[in-house]
Amino acid sequence: MTGKLIQMRMEGYEVVEKKAEKGGNSARIYVPKHWLGKKVRAVLLE
């Protein structure tokens, strides 16, 4: 991995930690269905 580790603070309502899976020509993570239409952030942890 290239780049520098950054520290950030976020406030939110729920969190999930998952491994990204192959999805066509990209990677994806699945989140709970009730998150549909909500603003979501994904953060690379490793």
PDB file of N, CA and C in Angstrom:
ATOM      1  N   MET A   1       0.841  -1.174   0.000  1.00  0.00           N
ATOM      2  CA  MET A   1       0.000   0.000   0.000  1.00  0.00           C
ATOM      3  C   MET A   1       0.881   1.231   0.000  1.00  0.00           C
ATOM      4  N   THR A   2       0.522   2.196  -0.778  1.00  0.00           N
ATOM      5  CA  THR A   2       1.243   3.450  -0.778  1.00  0.00           C
ATOM      6  C   THR A   2       0.437   4.483  -0.025  1.00  0.00           C
ATOM      7  N   GLY A   3       1.066   5.522   0.352  1.00  0.00           N
ATOM      8  CA  GLY A   3       0.356   6.579   1.055  1.00  0.00           C
ATOM      9  C   GLY A   3       0.686   6.605   2.525  1.00  0.00           C
ATOM     10  N   LYS A   4       0.185   7.608   3.167  1.00  0.00           N
ATOM     11  CA  LYS A   4       0.476   7.871   4.568  1.00  0.00           C
ATOM     12  C   LYS A   4      -0.768   7.619   5.403  1.00  0.00           C
ATOM     13  N   LEU A   5      -0.585   7.022   6.557  1.00  0.00           N
ATOM     14  CA  LEU A   5      -1.681   6.778   7.480  1.00  0.00           C
ATOM     15  C   LEU A   5      -2.207   8.116   7.982  1.00  0.00           C
ATOM     16  N   ILE A   6      -3.522   8.299   7.950  1.00  0.00           N
ATOM     17  CA  ILE A   6      -4.129   9.526   8.442  1.00  0.00           C
ATOM     18  C   ILE A   6      -5.066   9.195   9.596  1.00  0.00           C
ATOM     19  N   GLN A   7      -5.276  10.150  10.456  1.00  0.00           N
ATOM     20  CA  GLN A   7      -6.198   9.962  11.574  1.00  0.00           C
ATOM     21  C   GLN A   7      -7.418  10.824  11.316  1.00  0.00           C
ATOM     22  N   MET A   8      -8.606  10.252  11.546  1.00  0.00           N
ATOM     23  CA  MET A   8      -9.829  11.019  11.353  1.00  0.00           C
ATOM     24  C   MET A   8     -10.825  10.685  12.448  1.00  0.00           C
ATOM     25  N   ARG A   9     -11.718  11.594  12.669  1.00  0.00           N
ATOM     26  CA  ARG A   9     -12.779  11.399  13.659  1.00  0.00           C
ATOM     27  C   ARG A   9     -14.101  11.508  12.919  1.00  0.00           C
ATOM     28  N   MET A  10     -14.980  10.535  13.150  1.00  0.00           N
ATOM     29  CA  MET A  10     -16.292  10.543  12.507  1.00  0.00           C
ATOM     30  C   MET A  10     -17.361  10.271  13.549  1.00  0.00           C
ATOM     31  N   GLU A  11     -18.517  10.820  13.325  1.00  0.00           N
ATOM     32  CA  GLU A  11     -19.674  10.515  14.148  1.00  0.00           C
ATOM     33  C   GLU A  11     -20.695   9.822  13.269  1.00  0.00           C
ATOM     34  N   GLY A  12     -21.371   8.837  13.806  1.00  0.00           N
ATOM     35  CA  GLY A  12     -22.354   8.116  13.017  1.00  0.00           C
ATOM     36  C   GLY A  12     -23.286   7.318  13.912  1.00  0.00           C
ATOM     37  N   TYR A  13     -24.080   6.472  13.286  1.00  0.00           N
ATOM     38  CA  TYR A  13     -25.105   5.718  13.987  1.00  0.00           C
ATOM     39  C   TYR A  13     -24.817   4.226  14.091  1.00  0.00           C
ATOM     40  N   GLU A  14     -24.141   3.670  13.098  1.00  0.00           N
ATOM     41  CA  GLU A  14     -23.808   2.248  13.105  1.00  0.00           C
ATOM     42  C   GLU A  14     -22.474   2.074  12.399  1.00  0.00           C
ATOM     43  N   VAL A  15     -21.817   0.957  12.654  1.00  0.00           N
ATOM     44  CA  VAL A  15     -20.571   0.650  11.955  1.00  0.00           C
ATOM     45  C   VAL A  15     -20.535  -0.847  11.647  1.00  0.00           C
ATOM     46  N   VAL A  16     -20.013  -1.193  10.493  1.00  0.00           N
ATOM     47  CA  VAL A  16     -19.738  -2.584  10.143  1.00  0.00           C
ATOM     48  C   VAL A  16     -18.286  -2.635   9.670  1.00  0.00           C
ATOM     49  N   GLU A  17     -17.623  -3.729   9.957  1.00  0.00           N
ATOM     50  CA  GLU A  17     -16.259  -3.920   9.468  1.00  0.00           C
ATOM     51  C   GLU A  17     -16.248  -5.215   8.685  1.00  0.00           C
ATOM     52  N   LYS A  18     -15.927  -5.115   7.399  1.00  0.00           N
ATOM     53  CA  LYS A  18     -15.983  -6.270   6.508  1.00  0.00           C
ATOM     54  C   LYS A  18     -14.785  -6.265   5.576  1.00  0.00           C
ATOM     55  N   LYS A  19     -14.538  -7.401   4.947  1.00  0.00           N
ATOM     56  CA  LYS A  19     -13.509  -7.504   3.925  1.00  0.00           C
ATOM     57  C   LYS A  19     -14.160  -7.238   2.570  1.00  0.00           C
ATOM     58  N   ALA A  20     -13.540  -6.382   1.765  1.00  0.00           N
ATOM     59  CA  ALA A  20     -14.060  -6.098   0.427  1.00  0.00           C
ATOM     60  C   ALA A  20     -13.943  -7.356  -0.432  1.00  0.00           C
ATOM     61  N   GLU A  21     -14.966  -7.621  -1.223  1.00  0.00           N
ATOM     62  CA  GLU A  21     -15.006  -8.801  -2.088  1.00  0.00           C
ATOM     63  C   GLU A  21     -14.981  -8.376  -3.544  1.00  0.00           C
ATOM     64  N   LYS A  22     -14.559  -9.288  -4.403  1.00  0.00           N
ATOM     65  CA  LYS A  22     -14.529  -9.015  -5.832  1.00  0.00           C
ATOM     66  C   LYS A  22     -15.947  -8.787  -6.345  1.00  0.00           C
ATOM     67  N   GLY A  23     -16.069  -7.793  -7.204  1.00  0.00           N
ATOM     68  CA  GLY A  23     -17.368  -7.489  -7.791  1.00  0.00           C
ATOM     69  C   GLY A  23     -17.178  -6.949  -9.191  1.00  0.00           C
ATOM     70  N   GLY A  24     -17.152  -7.815 -10.189  1.00  0.00           N
ATOM     71  CA  GLY A  24     -16.907  -7.365 -11.562  1.00  0.00           C
ATOM     72  C   GLY A  24     -15.475  -6.883 -11.709  1.00  0.00           C
ATOM     73  N   ASN A  25     -15.310  -5.632 -12.145  1.00  0.00           N
ATOM     74  CA  ASN A  25     -13.974  -5.050 -12.300  1.00  0.00           C
ATOM     75  C   ASN A  25     -13.580  -4.200 -11.100  1.00  0.00           C
ATOM     76  N   SER A  26     -14.262  -4.383  -9.983  1.00  0.00           N
ATOM     77  CA  SER A  26     -13.980  -3.573  -8.801  1.00  0.00           C
ATOM     78  C   SER A  26     -14.111  -4.433  -7.552  1.00  0.00           C
ATOM     79  N   ALA A  27     -14.107  -3.801  -6.405  1.00  0.00           N
ATOM     80  CA  ALA A  27     -14.348  -4.484  -5.136  1.00  0.00           C
ATOM     81  C   ALA A  27     -15.570  -3.850  -4.496  1.00  0.00           C
ATOM     82  N   ARG A  28     -16.231  -4.599  -3.636  1.00  0.00           N
ATOM     83  CA  ARG A  28     -17.431  -4.053  -2.984  1.00  0.00           C
ATOM     84  C   ARG A  28     -17.564  -4.594  -1.571  1.00  0.00           C
ATOM     85  N   ILE A  29     -18.297  -3.866  -0.778  1.00  0.00           N
ATOM     86  CA  ILE A  29     -18.700  -4.334   0.544  1.00  0.00           C
ATOM     87  C   ILE A  29     -20.223  -4.256   0.595  1.00  0.00           C
ATOM     88  N   TYR A  30     -20.814  -5.161   1.320  1.00  0.00           N
ATOM     89  CA  TYR A  30     -22.271  -5.166   1.481  1.00  0.00           C
ATOM     90  C   TYR A  30     -22.605  -4.594   2.849  1.00  0.00           C
ATOM     91  N   VAL A  31     -23.576  -3.726   2.881  1.00  0.00           N
ATOM     92  CA  VAL A  31     -24.024  -3.105   4.128  1.00  0.00           C
ATOM     93  C   VAL A  31     -25.470  -3.500   4.369  1.00  0.00           C
ATOM     94  N   PRO A  32     -25.973  -3.300   5.587  1.00  0.00           N
ATOM     95  CA  PRO A  32     -27.356  -3.678   5.878  1.00  0.00           C
ATOM     96  C   PRO A  32     -28.358  -2.991   4.948  1.00  0.00           C
ATOM     97  N   LYS A  33     -29.415  -3.708   4.610  1.00  0.00           N
ATOM     98  CA  LYS A  33     -30.419  -3.207   3.671  1.00  0.00           C
ATOM     99  C   LYS A  33     -31.060  -1.897   4.129  1.00  0.00           C
ATOM    100  N   HIS A  34     -31.202  -1.715   5.442  1.00  0.00           N
ATOM    101  CA  HIS A  34     -31.823  -0.475   5.915  1.00  0.00           C
ATOM    102  C   HIS A  34     -30.905   0.745   5.722  1.00  0.00           C
ATOM    103  N   TRP A  35     -29.688   0.551   5.246  1.00  0.00           N
ATOM    104  CA  TRP A  35     -28.793   1.661   4.902  1.00  0.00           C
ATOM    105  C   TRP A  35     -29.067   2.162   3.489  1.00  0.00           C
ATOM    106  N   LEU A  36     -29.884   1.480   2.733  1.00  0.00           N
ATOM    107  CA  LEU A  36     -30.178   1.850   1.351  1.00  0.00           C
ATOM    108  C   LEU A  36     -30.660   3.296   1.279  1.00  0.00           C
ATOM    109  N   GLY A  37     -30.035   4.081   0.409  1.00  0.00           N
ATOM    110  CA  GLY A  37     -30.396   5.480   0.226  1.00  0.00           C
ATOM    111  C   GLY A  37     -29.766   6.426   1.243  1.00  0.00           C
ATOM    112  N   LYS A  38     -28.988   5.901   2.189  1.00  0.00           N
ATOM    113  CA  LYS A  38     -28.335   6.731   3.205  1.00  0.00           C
ATOM    114  C   LYS A  38     -26.916   7.088   2.769  1.00  0.00           C
ATOM    115  N   LYS A  39     -26.367   8.158   3.334  1.00  0.00           N
ATOM    116  CA  LYS A  39     -24.976   8.535   3.070  1.00  0.00           C
ATOM    117  C   LYS A  39     -24.075   7.629   3.905  1.00  0.00           C
ATOM    118  N   VAL A  40     -23.107   6.969   3.250  1.00  0.00           N
ATOM    119  CA  VAL A  40     -22.228   6.000   3.895  1.00  0.00           C
ATOM    120  C   VAL A  40     -20.785   6.336   3.535  1.00  0.00           C
ATOM    121  N   ARG A  41     -19.864   6.123   4.461  1.00  0.00           N
ATOM    122  CA  ARG A  41     -18.436   6.289   4.203  1.00  0.00           C
ATOM    123  C   ARG A  41     -17.735   4.970   4.381  1.00  0.00           C
ATOM    124  N   ALA A  42     -16.795   4.683   3.493  1.00  0.00           N
ATOM    125  CA  ALA A  42     -15.960   3.490   3.612  1.00  0.00           C
ATOM    126  C   ALA A  42     -14.521   3.957   3.845  1.00  0.00           C
ATOM    127  N   VAL A  43     -13.839   3.341   4.809  1.00  0.00           N
ATOM    128  CA  VAL A  43     -12.480   3.726   5.169  1.00  0.00           C
ATOM    129  C   VAL A  43     -11.579   2.515   5.016  1.00  0.00           C
ATOM    130  N   LEU A  44     -10.477   2.675   4.291  1.00  0.00           N
ATOM    131  CA  LEU A  44      -9.498   1.599   4.131  1.00  0.00           C
ATOM    132  C   LEU A  44      -8.699   1.472   5.422  1.00  0.00           C
ATOM    133  N   LEU A  45      -8.737   0.297   6.055  1.00  0.00           N
ATOM    134  CA  LEU A  45      -8.096   0.096   7.349  1.00  0.00           C
ATOM    135  C   LEU A  45      -6.733  -0.566   7.276  1.00  0.00           C
ATOM    136  N   GLU A  46      -6.425  -1.243   6.185  1.00  0.00           N
ATOM    137  CA  GLU A  46      -5.111  -1.907   6.087  1.00  0.00           C
ATOM    138  C   GLU A  46      -4.507  -1.706   4.726  1.00  0.00           C
TER     139      GLU A  46
END
